[in-house]
Every structure is written in structure tokens, then in C-alpha cells.
């Protein structure tokens, strides 16, 4: 005879900062779970006026009347005391900082994290970007219990999704945000009835990292195959955005590129050579041309290339590098 599973009375602390985290918190609130506290980043100066701006998670928590903590130091005794006073027995982390052991080991039922990849692949800060940059056709989301290393804990649940071959990082972000929110709810439901069948992460040689993206990471290397450049651009769009230097006679301009398409055609042009028309900018690359669809010049907004050409005169010797 099958035994009834234990039903736990969950008291949840949710930790997160950006929009990506809000979707999961919203699902938990809608499902009626007891959110005893929300931990998010301190308000930060933003915009031209440098006024303090709250995180997306804080704005949501304020609207829902949820208790909020905004620690600057996760190891500070005052924060640990405040966290303990919430008397949570489960903590959920989505797009937040790395937690000290004193924090993640505090609740009775553990602390789980939502990660935007199919772990163990793409451990690190930028899994969405790197999956597209590397030309993956599939990714997903994973919930796992946090341990002492980064993104290595035992897996609770995973959900897969295909990556469209023209999808940008922004597109995939939204897909995984919604998929992840649903997975958080499924994970909490399992923990509530003590039905978590955990799986250790395998370790093998061809694990792909998802290290933090820096400005140099975003620079386009025009010597690479055209498909790699295409993936690099969409994997960084709309943020932090791929860039290159445009040399136009005496001008050197940083050009941000958001959207392109490939024209497969043999040519004898030097790599990086610009072939302009009245409506398009084509750049010579290996195996063809990269047609720029959406770009941004310094001090300007993001625009369709045809709009940019209304005010930009390209010389016949213009090139990018």
C-alpha cells in the first residue's frame, strides 16, 4: 500500500533582483505560497539624474506588500539575524548574488536556485548568451540545491526548450523566464510533499562554461566564419550588444550591431570591407556577406540600417575591424 507523502507547511524566502526573477515570484504568490521575505539588491542610481532606482523584484514585492530586505553585505551579522528572524524553512534564489554558506544552509528544507541552462552545461553568469553564441539548438532551465561550489548542486528538476536559429539572447531570455517560473512552482510543489528525487551533476571533459561577459567579449572578430559572427551578434542582442569599429575616411566610430542576416555568396573582398547601397550595409566575411539590419552609432538610438543611412555617408573605402 502506497504511503501518503508528508505535506510541509512552507515558509519561503525569495531572493532575486531583475525581471527574470519576478516571473517566478509572481507564480508563487498567485499559487498562494507563504512568502515571508524577499531579499533583493539595494536601490542604485540610474538614468541621467542618477536617482535611486529599485530592482524589479523590489517593485513587485512592494506592490504585493511583501517584507523586503536589501543587504549590502550578505555576511553581516545584522543581515543574518534579520534573515533568521523570518523563520523561513525554504529559500529560493533566482538571478541573485553568490550566497555565503551561513545563508544557504539556514533553512530546514534547503535553498534551491533556478539556473537558465541544462546543468551541468553552461555553469556561470551568462548561460543564455553563451548558448546562442555557441550555436546551440537546445537549452533549458534547471532547479538545484545550492552547495559550496558554483552551480554544482544536486538537480531537482529540468525543462528543455529548442532555440530558434534566429533567436536573440533577448528572445531566449523571455522564453526561459516563463519556463523557469513554471519550473520553480513545480519544484516547490515537490518539496512541499517531500518528493524530491535528486540527481547528482555529471562531470565530463566537454563542459561548456558561461563565464561573465566583458566588453572585449562583445567585440566582433571578422576573421571568424560568418555563422560564428552571426551567432555572436544575436547572442549579445539586445544586451550587452556586439560591437565593432567603423573606419569611414578620417572617422573611427564604435558601431553596435543588434540584428543581421547572412548572404551566402563567394567574393574576393577583404574581410570587414563595407559594401553600401542606399538601403543596406553589407560587410564582407568568410563564406559571404553579413547584412546589417539594426545598428546603433555613438550618441544615437538603435535604428534600422536604412534609417541610419539617411544621415550617414559611407566612403567607398569604409571598413570595420
C-alpha atoms as a PDB file:
ATOM      1  CA  UNK A   1       0.000   0.000   0.000  1.00  0.00           C
ATOM      2  CA  UNK A   2       1.418   3.391  -1.018  1.00  0.00           C
ATOM      3  CA  UNK A   3       2.022   5.745   1.896  1.00  0.00           C
ATOM      4  CA  UNK A   4       0.757   9.302   1.796  1.00  0.00           C
ATOM      5  CA  UNK A   5       3.600  11.758   1.454  1.00  0.00           C
ATOM      6  CA  UNK A   6       4.245  14.300   4.173  1.00  0.00           C
ATOM      7  CA  UNK A   7       2.768  17.730   3.462  1.00  0.00           C
ATOM      8  CA  UNK A   8       5.026  20.504   4.682  1.00  0.00           C
ATOM      9  CA  UNK A   9       3.965  23.951   5.775  1.00  0.00           C
ATOM     10  CA  UNK A  10       6.361  26.079   3.740  1.00  0.00           C
ATOM     11  CA  UNK A  11       7.654  29.478   4.813  1.00  0.00           C
ATOM     12  CA  UNK A  12       9.583  30.828   1.816  1.00  0.00           C
ATOM     13  CA  UNK A  13      12.238  33.492   1.434  1.00  0.00           C
ATOM     14  CA  UNK A  14      12.712  34.541  -2.192  1.00  0.00           C
ATOM     15  CA  UNK A  15      15.993  36.083  -3.383  1.00  0.00           C
ATOM     16  CA  UNK A  16      16.347  37.837  -6.746  1.00  0.00           C
ATOM     17  CA  UNK A  17      16.855  41.140  -8.486  1.00  0.00           C
ATOM     18  CA  UNK A  18      15.884  41.519 -12.211  1.00  0.00           C
ATOM     19  CA  UNK A  19      12.727  40.931 -14.254  1.00  0.00           C
ATOM     20  CA  UNK A  20      13.852  37.350 -14.866  1.00  0.00           C
ATOM     21  CA  UNK A  21      13.252  36.647 -11.163  1.00  0.00           C
ATOM     22  CA  UNK A  22       9.894  38.435 -10.912  1.00  0.00           C
ATOM     23  CA  UNK A  23       8.091  35.843 -13.044  1.00  0.00           C
ATOM     24  CA  UNK A  24       8.874  33.041 -10.586  1.00  0.00           C
ATOM     25  CA  UNK A  25       7.958  35.110  -7.544  1.00  0.00           C
ATOM     26  CA  UNK A  26       4.663  36.025  -9.189  1.00  0.00           C
ATOM     27  CA  UNK A  27       3.818  32.367  -9.801  1.00  0.00           C
ATOM     28  CA  UNK A  28       4.439  31.552  -6.136  1.00  0.00           C
ATOM     29  CA  UNK A  29       2.297  34.452  -4.947  1.00  0.00           C
ATOM     30  CA  UNK A  30      -0.521  33.508  -7.333  1.00  0.00           C
ATOM     31  CA  UNK A  31      -0.364  29.917  -6.088  1.00  0.00           C
ATOM     32  CA  UNK A  32      -0.884  31.142  -2.520  1.00  0.00           C
ATOM     33  CA  UNK A  33       2.502  30.211  -1.072  1.00  0.00           C
ATOM     34  CA  UNK A  34       3.607  31.951   2.117  1.00  0.00           C
ATOM     35  CA  UNK A  35       6.406  34.353   1.125  1.00  0.00           C
ATOM     36  CA  UNK A  36       7.771  35.523   4.479  1.00  0.00           C
ATOM     37  CA  UNK A  37      10.502  37.683   2.976  1.00  0.00           C
ATOM     38  CA  UNK A  38      12.061  38.952  -0.241  1.00  0.00           C
ATOM     39  CA  UNK A  39      15.798  39.632  -0.451  1.00  0.00           C
ATOM     40  CA  UNK A  40      16.962  41.883  -3.260  1.00  0.00           C
ATOM     41  CA  UNK A  41      19.731  44.304  -4.188  1.00  0.00           C
ATOM     42  CA  UNK A  42      19.913  47.793  -2.654  1.00  0.00           C
ATOM     43  CA  UNK A  43      18.452  50.648  -4.702  1.00  0.00           C
ATOM     44  CA  UNK A  44      21.026  52.008  -7.156  1.00  0.00           C
ATOM     45  CA  UNK A  45      21.491  55.313  -9.010  1.00  0.00           C
ATOM     46  CA  UNK A  46      20.200  55.111 -12.587  1.00  0.00           C
ATOM     47  CA  UNK A  47      19.472  57.361 -15.548  1.00  0.00           C
ATOM     48  CA  UNK A  48      20.729  60.845 -16.304  1.00  0.00           C
ATOM     49  CA  UNK A  49      19.537  62.239 -12.989  1.00  0.00           C
ATOM     50  CA  UNK A  50      21.213  59.362 -11.101  1.00  0.00           C
ATOM     51  CA  UNK A  51      18.100  58.932  -8.988  1.00  0.00           C
ATOM     52  CA  UNK A  52      17.888  55.820  -6.861  1.00  0.00           C
ATOM     53  CA  UNK A  53      16.019  53.039  -8.624  1.00  0.00           C
ATOM     54  CA  UNK A  54      14.591  49.921  -7.027  1.00  0.00           C
ATOM     55  CA  UNK A  55      15.136  46.474  -8.530  1.00  0.00           C
ATOM     56  CA  UNK A  56      12.314  44.843 -10.479  1.00  0.00           C
ATOM     57  CA  UNK A  57      11.902  42.321  -7.649  1.00  0.00           C
ATOM     58  CA  UNK A  58      11.604  45.092  -5.043  1.00  0.00           C
ATOM     59  CA  UNK A  59       8.999  46.936  -7.112  1.00  0.00           C
ATOM     60  CA  UNK A  60       6.938  43.745  -7.336  1.00  0.00           C
ATOM     61  CA  UNK A  61       7.361  42.963  -3.622  1.00  0.00           C
ATOM     62  CA  UNK A  62       6.274  46.487  -2.641  1.00  0.00           C
ATOM     63  CA  UNK A  63       3.178  46.186  -4.843  1.00  0.00           C
ATOM     64  CA  UNK A  64       2.279  42.892  -3.165  1.00  0.00           C
ATOM     65  CA  UNK A  65       3.066  44.069   0.382  1.00  0.00           C
ATOM     66  CA  UNK A  66       5.828  41.500   0.924  1.00  0.00           C
ATOM     67  CA  UNK A  67       8.545  42.061   3.584  1.00  0.00           C
ATOM     68  CA  UNK A  68      11.814  43.200   1.966  1.00  0.00           C
ATOM     69  CA  UNK A  69      15.472  43.069   2.984  1.00  0.00           C
ATOM     70  CA  UNK A  70      18.180  44.818   0.914  1.00  0.00           C
ATOM     71  CA  UNK A  71      21.539  43.841   2.384  1.00  0.00           C
ATOM     72  CA  UNK A  72      24.814  45.253   1.120  1.00  0.00           C
ATOM     73  CA  UNK A  73      26.790  42.525   2.875  1.00  0.00           C
ATOM     74  CA  UNK A  74      25.346  39.013   2.952  1.00  0.00           C
ATOM     75  CA  UNK A  75      27.780  38.000   5.698  1.00  0.00           C
ATOM     76  CA  UNK A  76      26.913  40.871   8.047  1.00  0.00           C
ATOM     77  CA  UNK A  77      25.649  39.719  11.449  1.00  0.00           C
ATOM     78  CA  UNK A  78      22.745  42.187  11.290  1.00  0.00           C
ATOM     79  CA  UNK A  79      21.510  40.707   8.000  1.00  0.00           C
ATOM     80  CA  UNK A  80      21.912  37.116   9.207  1.00  0.00           C
ATOM     81  CA  UNK A  81      19.907  37.984  12.316  1.00  0.00           C
ATOM     82  CA  UNK A  82      17.159  39.602  10.225  1.00  0.00           C
ATOM     83  CA  UNK A  83      17.083  36.606   7.875  1.00  0.00           C
ATOM     84  CA  UNK A  84      16.885  34.137  10.754  1.00  0.00           C
ATOM     85  CA  UNK A  85      14.056  36.136  12.298  1.00  0.00           C
ATOM     86  CA  UNK A  86      11.924  35.478   9.196  1.00  0.00           C
ATOM     87  CA  UNK A  87      11.910  31.819  10.291  1.00  0.00           C
ATOM     88  CA  UNK A  88      11.868  30.506   6.709  1.00  0.00           C
ATOM     89  CA  UNK A  89      12.227  26.789   6.034  1.00  0.00           C
ATOM     90  CA  UNK A  90      12.876  27.124   2.280  1.00  0.00           C
ATOM     91  CA  UNK A  91      14.847  29.670   0.276  1.00  0.00           C
ATOM     92  CA  UNK A  92      14.609  30.222  -3.494  1.00  0.00           C
ATOM     93  CA  UNK A  93      17.273  32.058  -5.472  1.00  0.00           C
ATOM     94  CA  UNK A  94      16.827  33.464  -8.986  1.00  0.00           C
ATOM     95  CA  UNK A  95      19.390  35.786 -10.602  1.00  0.00           C
ATOM     96  CA  UNK A  96      20.932  36.951  -7.336  1.00  0.00           C
ATOM     97  CA  UNK A  97      24.397  37.075  -5.808  1.00  0.00           C
ATOM     98  CA  UNK A  98      26.508  34.137  -4.696  1.00  0.00           C
ATOM     99  CA  UNK A  99      25.379  33.213  -1.199  1.00  0.00           C
ATOM    100  CA  UNK A 100      27.664  32.521   1.763  1.00  0.00           C
ATOM    101  CA  UNK A 101      27.224  29.165   3.451  1.00  0.00           C
ATOM    102  CA  UNK A 102      25.693  30.818   6.509  1.00  0.00           C
ATOM    103  CA  UNK A 103      22.804  31.922   4.286  1.00  0.00           C
ATOM    104  CA  UNK A 104      22.136  28.938   2.039  1.00  0.00           C
ATOM    105  CA  UNK A 105      22.352  26.333   4.790  1.00  0.00           C
ATOM    106  CA  UNK A 106      19.977  28.232   7.116  1.00  0.00           C
ATOM    107  CA  UNK A 107      16.533  26.840   6.154  1.00  0.00           C
ATOM    108  CA  UNK A 108      15.438  23.333   7.154  1.00  0.00           C
ATOM    109  CA  UNK A 109      14.424  22.294   3.616  1.00  0.00           C
ATOM    110  CA  UNK A 110      17.402  23.889   1.900  1.00  0.00           C
ATOM    111  CA  UNK A 111      17.998  26.631  -0.647  1.00  0.00           C
ATOM    112  CA  UNK A 112      17.408  25.990  -4.328  1.00  0.00           C
ATOM    113  CA  UNK A 113      18.441  28.023  -7.332  1.00  0.00           C
ATOM    114  CA  UNK A 114      16.936  28.402 -10.800  1.00  0.00           C
ATOM    115  CA  UNK A 115      19.630  28.366 -13.499  1.00  0.00           C
ATOM    116  CA  UNK A 116      18.997  29.203 -17.158  1.00  0.00           C
ATOM    117  CA  UNK A 117      20.707  26.182 -18.705  1.00  0.00           C
ATOM    118  CA  UNK A 118      20.637  22.418 -18.684  1.00  0.00           C
ATOM    119  CA  UNK A 119      23.209  21.852 -15.966  1.00  0.00           C
ATOM    120  CA  UNK A 120      25.984  20.820 -15.815  1.00  0.00           C
ATOM    121  CA  UNK A 121      26.376  22.669 -19.122  1.00  0.00           C
ATOM    122  CA  UNK A 122      26.798  26.456 -19.001  1.00  0.00           C
ATOM    123  CA  UNK A 123      27.549  26.962 -15.347  1.00  0.00           C
ATOM    124  CA  UNK A 124      28.224  30.610 -14.658  1.00  0.00           C
ATOM    125  CA  UNK A 125      26.898  34.136 -15.017  1.00  0.00           C
ATOM    126  CA  UNK A 126      25.745  34.268 -18.661  1.00  0.00           C
ATOM    127  CA  UNK A 127      24.232  30.926 -19.764  1.00  0.00           C
ATOM    128  CA  UNK A 128      21.653  32.483 -22.097  1.00  0.00           C
ATOM    129  CA  UNK A 129      24.211  34.475 -24.050  1.00  0.00           C
ATOM    130  CA  UNK A 130      26.733  31.656 -24.387  1.00  0.00           C
ATOM    131  CA  UNK A 131      24.189  29.070 -25.538  1.00  0.00           C
ATOM    132  CA  UNK A 132      23.366  31.262 -28.540  1.00  0.00           C
ATOM    133  CA  UNK A 133      26.945  32.409 -29.154  1.00  0.00           C
ATOM    134  CA  UNK A 134      27.974  28.752 -29.339  1.00  0.00           C
ATOM    135  CA  UNK A 135      25.169  27.940 -31.778  1.00  0.00           C
ATOM    136  CA  UNK A 136      23.238  25.558 -29.524  1.00  0.00           C
ATOM    137  CA  UNK A 137      19.888  24.311 -30.800  1.00  0.00           C
ATOM    138  CA  UNK A 138      18.559  23.340 -27.367  1.00  0.00           C
ATOM    139  CA  UNK A 139      18.791  24.644 -23.821  1.00  0.00           C
ATOM    140  CA  UNK A 140      16.522  24.809 -20.796  1.00  0.00           C
ATOM    141  CA  UNK A 141      16.219  25.582 -17.106  1.00  0.00           C
ATOM    142  CA  UNK A 142      17.338  23.697 -14.023  1.00  0.00           C
ATOM    143  CA  UNK A 143      16.474  23.847 -10.337  1.00  0.00           C
ATOM    144  CA  UNK A 144      19.122  22.563  -7.952  1.00  0.00           C
ATOM    145  CA  UNK A 145      20.018  22.733  -4.277  1.00  0.00           C
ATOM    146  CA  UNK A 146      22.875  25.159  -3.642  1.00  0.00           C
ATOM    147  CA  UNK A 147      26.144  23.768  -2.291  1.00  0.00           C
ATOM    148  CA  UNK A 148      29.605  25.227  -1.681  1.00  0.00           C
ATOM    149  CA  UNK A 149      30.585  25.489  -5.354  1.00  0.00           C
ATOM    150  CA  UNK A 150      29.017  27.491  -8.207  1.00  0.00           C
ATOM    151  CA  UNK A 151      26.060  25.789  -9.965  1.00  0.00           C
ATOM    152  CA  UNK A 152      27.176  22.281  -8.954  1.00  0.00           C
ATOM    153  CA  UNK A 153      24.472  21.182  -6.511  1.00  0.00           C
ATOM    154  CA  UNK A 154      22.105  18.237  -6.861  1.00  0.00           C
ATOM    155  CA  UNK A 155      19.483  18.695  -9.572  1.00  0.00           C
ATOM    156  CA  UNK A 156      15.812  18.718  -8.623  1.00  0.00           C
ATOM    157  CA  UNK A 157      14.098  19.301 -11.985  1.00  0.00           C
ATOM    158  CA  UNK A 158      14.923  20.319 -15.563  1.00  0.00           C
ATOM    159  CA  UNK A 159      12.871  21.532 -18.503  1.00  0.00           C
ATOM    160  CA  UNK A 160      14.112  21.665 -22.113  1.00  0.00           C
ATOM    161  CA  UNK A 161      13.332  24.023 -24.979  1.00  0.00           C
ATOM    162  CA  UNK A 162      14.523  24.423 -28.559  1.00  0.00           C
ATOM    163  CA  UNK A 163      16.481  27.503 -29.653  1.00  0.00           C
ATOM    164  CA  UNK A 164      15.316  29.011 -32.940  1.00  0.00           C
ATOM    165  CA  UNK A 165      18.260  29.600 -35.275  1.00  0.00           C
ATOM    166  CA  UNK A 166      17.487  33.332 -35.472  1.00  0.00           C
ATOM    167  CA  UNK A 167      16.599  33.852 -31.792  1.00  0.00           C
ATOM    168  CA  UNK A 168      18.443  36.581 -29.898  1.00  0.00           C
ATOM    169  CA  UNK A 169      19.533  36.495 -26.270  1.00  0.00           C
ATOM    170  CA  UNK A 170      16.521  38.704 -25.543  1.00  0.00           C
ATOM    171  CA  UNK A 171      14.153  36.209 -27.163  1.00  0.00           C
ATOM    172  CA  UNK A 172      15.646  33.288 -25.255  1.00  0.00           C
ATOM    173  CA  UNK A 173      15.664  35.278 -22.005  1.00  0.00           C
ATOM    174  CA  UNK A 174      11.880  35.692 -22.214  1.00  0.00           C
ATOM    175  CA  UNK A 175      11.317  32.036 -23.121  1.00  0.00           C
ATOM    176  CA  UNK A 176      13.445  30.788 -20.219  1.00  0.00           C
ATOM    177  CA  UNK A 177      11.969  33.347 -17.812  1.00  0.00           C
ATOM    178  CA  UNK A 178       8.492  31.887 -18.339  1.00  0.00           C
ATOM    179  CA  UNK A 179       9.706  28.288 -18.459  1.00  0.00           C
ATOM    180  CA  UNK A 180      11.723  28.876 -15.299  1.00  0.00           C
ATOM    181  CA  UNK A 181       8.801  30.408 -13.421  1.00  0.00           C
ATOM    182  CA  UNK A 182       6.750  27.274 -14.073  1.00  0.00           C
ATOM    183  CA  UNK A 183       9.671  25.060 -13.033  1.00  0.00           C
ATOM    184  CA  UNK A 184      10.033  26.959  -9.746  1.00  0.00           C
ATOM    185  CA  UNK A 185       6.404  26.234  -8.951  1.00  0.00           C
ATOM    186  CA  UNK A 186       6.803  22.535  -9.831  1.00  0.00           C
ATOM    187  CA  UNK A 187       9.917  22.352  -7.661  1.00  0.00           C
ATOM    188  CA  UNK A 188       8.199  23.945  -4.666  1.00  0.00           C
ATOM    189  CA  UNK A 189       5.277  21.542  -5.073  1.00  0.00           C
ATOM    190  CA  UNK A 190       7.686  18.604  -4.903  1.00  0.00           C
ATOM    191  CA  UNK A 191       9.464  19.981  -1.840  1.00  0.00           C
ATOM    192  CA  UNK A 192       6.098  20.625  -0.174  1.00  0.00           C
ATOM    193  CA  UNK A 193       5.244  16.909  -0.307  1.00  0.00           C
ATOM    194  CA  UNK A 194       8.849  15.767   0.283  1.00  0.00           C
ATOM    195  CA  UNK A 195       9.003  14.201  -3.177  1.00  0.00           C
ATOM    196  CA  UNK A 196      12.349  15.454  -4.493  1.00  0.00           C
ATOM    197  CA  UNK A 197      14.328  12.778  -6.316  1.00  0.00           C
ATOM    198  CA  UNK A 198      17.720  14.438  -6.544  1.00  0.00           C
ATOM    199  CA  UNK A 199      20.256  13.784  -9.277  1.00  0.00           C
ATOM    200  CA  UNK A 200      23.968  14.445  -8.934  1.00  0.00           C
ATOM    201  CA  UNK A 201      25.501  16.508 -11.733  1.00  0.00           C
ATOM    202  CA  UNK A 202      27.808  14.545 -14.003  1.00  0.00           C
ATOM    203  CA  UNK A 203      31.296  15.813 -14.717  1.00  0.00           C
ATOM    204  CA  UNK A 204      32.829  15.286 -18.154  1.00  0.00           C
ATOM    205  CA  UNK A 205      35.511  16.838 -20.319  1.00  0.00           C
ATOM    206  CA  UNK A 206      33.465  18.897 -22.771  1.00  0.00           C
ATOM    207  CA  UNK A 207      31.548  21.003 -20.257  1.00  0.00           C
ATOM    208  CA  UNK A 208      30.933  24.472 -21.664  1.00  0.00           C
ATOM    209  CA  UNK A 209      31.260  27.410 -19.251  1.00  0.00           C
ATOM    210  CA  UNK A 210      29.104  30.536 -19.182  1.00  0.00           C
ATOM    211  CA  UNK A 211      31.587  32.994 -17.737  1.00  0.00           C
ATOM    212  CA  UNK A 212      30.765  36.654 -17.256  1.00  0.00           C
ATOM    213  CA  UNK A 213      30.724  38.739 -20.432  1.00  0.00           C
ATOM    214  CA  UNK A 214      33.082  41.708 -20.653  1.00  0.00           C
ATOM    215  CA  UNK A 215      33.463  44.470 -23.221  1.00  0.00           C
ATOM    216  CA  UNK A 216      36.211  42.560 -25.035  1.00  0.00           C
ATOM    217  CA  UNK A 217      33.920  39.539 -25.288  1.00  0.00           C
ATOM    218  CA  UNK A 218      31.486  41.677 -27.266  1.00  0.00           C
ATOM    219  CA  UNK A 219      33.991  42.796 -29.900  1.00  0.00           C
ATOM    220  CA  UNK A 220      33.394  41.121 -33.273  1.00  0.00           C
ATOM    221  CA  UNK A 221      36.249  39.136 -34.807  1.00  0.00           C
ATOM    222  CA  UNK A 222      35.755  39.458 -38.571  1.00  0.00           C
ATOM    223  CA  UNK A 223      38.251  36.669 -39.290  1.00  0.00           C
ATOM    224  CA  UNK A 224      35.832  34.052 -37.933  1.00  0.00           C
ATOM    225  CA  UNK A 225      33.389  32.080 -40.111  1.00  0.00           C
ATOM    226  CA  UNK A 226      30.265  34.069 -40.917  1.00  0.00           C
ATOM    227  CA  UNK A 227      27.947  31.769 -38.950  1.00  0.00           C
ATOM    228  CA  UNK A 228      30.026  32.328 -35.807  1.00  0.00           C
ATOM    229  CA  UNK A 229      29.828  36.099 -36.244  1.00  0.00           C
ATOM    230  CA  UNK A 230      26.067  35.851 -36.819  1.00  0.00           C
ATOM    231  CA  UNK A 231      25.636  33.788 -33.616  1.00  0.00           C
ATOM    232  CA  UNK A 232      27.929  36.110 -31.683  1.00  0.00           C
ATOM    233  CA  UNK A 233      25.783  39.122 -32.592  1.00  0.00           C
ATOM    234  CA  UNK A 234      22.419  37.526 -31.770  1.00  0.00           C
ATOM    235  CA  UNK A 235      23.855  36.026 -28.574  1.00  0.00           C
ATOM    236  CA  UNK A 236      24.616  39.538 -27.315  1.00  0.00           C
ATOM    237  CA  UNK A 237      21.438  41.242 -28.527  1.00  0.00           C
ATOM    238  CA  UNK A 238      19.935  43.376 -27.123  1.00  0.00           C
ATOM    239  CA  UNK A 239      22.375  43.432 -24.209  1.00  0.00           C
ATOM    240  CA  UNK A 240      25.291  43.893 -23.758  1.00  0.00           C
ATOM    241  CA  UNK A 241      25.485  44.135 -27.590  1.00  0.00           C
ATOM    242  CA  UNK A 242      28.175  43.130 -30.073  1.00  0.00           C
ATOM    243  CA  UNK A 243      30.329  45.960 -31.396  1.00  0.00           C
ATOM    244  CA  UNK A 244      32.982  46.762 -33.955  1.00  0.00           C
ATOM    245  CA  UNK A 245      34.958  49.820 -35.022  1.00  0.00           C
ATOM    246  CA  UNK A 246      33.780  51.513 -38.210  1.00  0.00           C
ATOM    247  CA  UNK A 247      36.538  53.261 -40.189  1.00  0.00           C
ATOM    248  CA  UNK A 248      34.985  55.807 -42.527  1.00  0.00           C
ATOM    249  CA  UNK A 249      37.689  58.040 -44.056  1.00  0.00           C
ATOM    250  CA  UNK A 250      39.013  60.018 -41.069  1.00  0.00           C
ATOM    251  CA  UNK A 251      36.260  58.905 -38.688  1.00  0.00           C
ATOM    252  CA  UNK A 252      36.522  55.994 -36.268  1.00  0.00           C
ATOM    253  CA  UNK A 253      33.146  55.127 -34.778  1.00  0.00           C
ATOM    254  CA  UNK A 254      32.071  52.372 -32.409  1.00  0.00           C
ATOM    255  CA  UNK A 255      29.220  50.588 -34.136  1.00  0.00           C
ATOM    256  CA  UNK A 256      26.829  48.421 -32.128  1.00  0.00           C
ATOM    257  CA  UNK A 257      25.112  45.659 -34.103  1.00  0.00           C
ATOM    258  CA  UNK A 258      21.809  44.141 -32.962  1.00  0.00           C
ATOM    259  CA  UNK A 259      20.462  42.176 -35.918  1.00  0.00           C
ATOM    260  CA  UNK A 260      21.932  40.765 -39.112  1.00  0.00           C
ATOM    261  CA  UNK A 261      21.255  38.241 -41.834  1.00  0.00           C
ATOM    262  CA  UNK A 262      23.652  36.073 -43.815  1.00  0.00           C
ATOM    263  CA  UNK A 263      24.066  36.294 -47.576  1.00  0.00           C
ATOM    264  CA  UNK A 264      25.965  33.222 -48.718  1.00  0.00           C
ATOM    265  CA  UNK A 265      27.951  34.347 -51.737  1.00  0.00           C
ATOM    266  CA  UNK A 266      31.532  33.964 -52.907  1.00  0.00           C
ATOM    267  CA  UNK A 267      33.550  37.165 -53.148  1.00  0.00           C
ATOM    268  CA  UNK A 268      37.108  38.497 -53.268  1.00  0.00           C
ATOM    269  CA  UNK A 269      36.683  41.408 -50.862  1.00  0.00           C
ATOM    270  CA  UNK A 270      38.928  41.914 -47.842  1.00  0.00           C
ATOM    271  CA  UNK A 271      37.274  40.727 -44.628  1.00  0.00           C
ATOM    272  CA  UNK A 272      35.486  43.646 -42.996  1.00  0.00           C
ATOM    273  CA  UNK A 273      35.069  45.595 -46.230  1.00  0.00           C
ATOM    274  CA  UNK A 274      31.781  47.534 -46.314  1.00  0.00           C
ATOM    275  CA  UNK A 275      29.628  47.347 -49.437  1.00  0.00           C
ATOM    276  CA  UNK A 276      26.946  50.042 -49.017  1.00  0.00           C
ATOM    277  CA  UNK A 277      23.870  50.776 -51.062  1.00  0.00           C
ATOM    278  CA  UNK A 278      21.182  53.392 -50.435  1.00  0.00           C
ATOM    279  CA  UNK A 279      19.313  50.980 -48.175  1.00  0.00           C
ATOM    280  CA  UNK A 280      21.796  48.420 -46.844  1.00  0.00           C
ATOM    281  CA  UNK A 281      25.223  47.899 -45.321  1.00  0.00           C
ATOM    282  CA  UNK A 282      26.852  44.622 -46.230  1.00  0.00           C
ATOM    283  CA  UNK A 283      30.114  43.503 -44.643  1.00  0.00           C
ATOM    284  CA  UNK A 284      32.429  41.041 -46.323  1.00  0.00           C
ATOM    285  CA  UNK A 285      33.081  37.938 -44.227  1.00  0.00           C
ATOM    286  CA  UNK A 286      34.209  34.377 -44.799  1.00  0.00           C
ATOM    287  CA  UNK A 287      31.657  32.471 -46.895  1.00  0.00           C
ATOM    288  CA  UNK A 288      29.585  35.536 -47.768  1.00  0.00           C
ATOM    289  CA  UNK A 289      28.291  38.865 -46.555  1.00  0.00           C
ATOM    290  CA  UNK A 290      26.692  39.915 -43.306  1.00  0.00           C
ATOM    291  CA  UNK A 291      23.781  42.237 -43.992  1.00  0.00           C
ATOM    292  CA  UNK A 292      23.279  44.689 -41.113  1.00  0.00           C
ATOM    293  CA  UNK A 293      19.599  45.124 -40.201  1.00  0.00           C
ATOM    294  CA  UNK A 294      19.648  47.019 -36.893  1.00  0.00           C
ATOM    295  CA  UNK A 295      22.575  49.080 -35.638  1.00  0.00           C
ATOM    296  CA  UNK A 296      23.471  51.974 -33.357  1.00  0.00           C
ATOM    297  CA  UNK A 297      26.028  54.757 -33.770  1.00  0.00           C
ATOM    298  CA  UNK A 298      27.544  56.716 -30.841  1.00  0.00           C
ATOM    299  CA  UNK A 299      25.059  59.174 -29.348  1.00  0.00           C
ATOM    300  CA  UNK A 300      22.189  57.765 -31.421  1.00  0.00           C
ATOM    301  CA  UNK A 301      19.374  55.358 -30.686  1.00  0.00           C
ATOM    302  CA  UNK A 302      19.094  51.831 -32.042  1.00  0.00           C
ATOM    303  CA  UNK A 303      17.758  52.070 -35.604  1.00  0.00           C
ATOM    304  CA  UNK A 304      17.058  50.118 -38.749  1.00  0.00           C
ATOM    305  CA  UNK A 305      20.060  50.370 -41.055  1.00  0.00           C
ATOM    306  CA  UNK A 306      18.076  52.227 -43.709  1.00  0.00           C
ATOM    307  CA  UNK A 307      17.300  54.977 -41.163  1.00  0.00           C
ATOM    308  CA  UNK A 308      20.982  55.268 -40.241  1.00  0.00           C
ATOM    309  CA  UNK A 309      21.968  55.654 -43.894  1.00  0.00           C
ATOM    310  CA  UNK A 310      19.704  58.695 -44.192  1.00  0.00           C
ATOM    311  CA  UNK A 311      22.268  60.610 -42.130  1.00  0.00           C
ATOM    312  CA  UNK A 312      25.475  58.645 -42.673  1.00  0.00           C
ATOM    313  CA  UNK A 313      27.633  58.958 -45.766  1.00  0.00           C
ATOM    314  CA  UNK A 314      29.889  55.931 -46.179  1.00  0.00           C
ATOM    315  CA  UNK A 315      33.030  56.246 -48.253  1.00  0.00           C
ATOM    316  CA  UNK A 316      33.931  53.636 -50.846  1.00  0.00           C
ATOM    317  CA  UNK A 317      36.886  52.630 -48.647  1.00  0.00           C
ATOM    318  CA  UNK A 318      34.883  52.183 -45.431  1.00  0.00           C
ATOM    319  CA  UNK A 319      35.532  49.032 -43.428  1.00  0.00           C
ATOM    320  CA  UNK A 320      35.103  47.537 -39.973  1.00  0.00           C
ATOM    321  CA  UNK A 321      37.634  45.875 -37.736  1.00  0.00           C
END
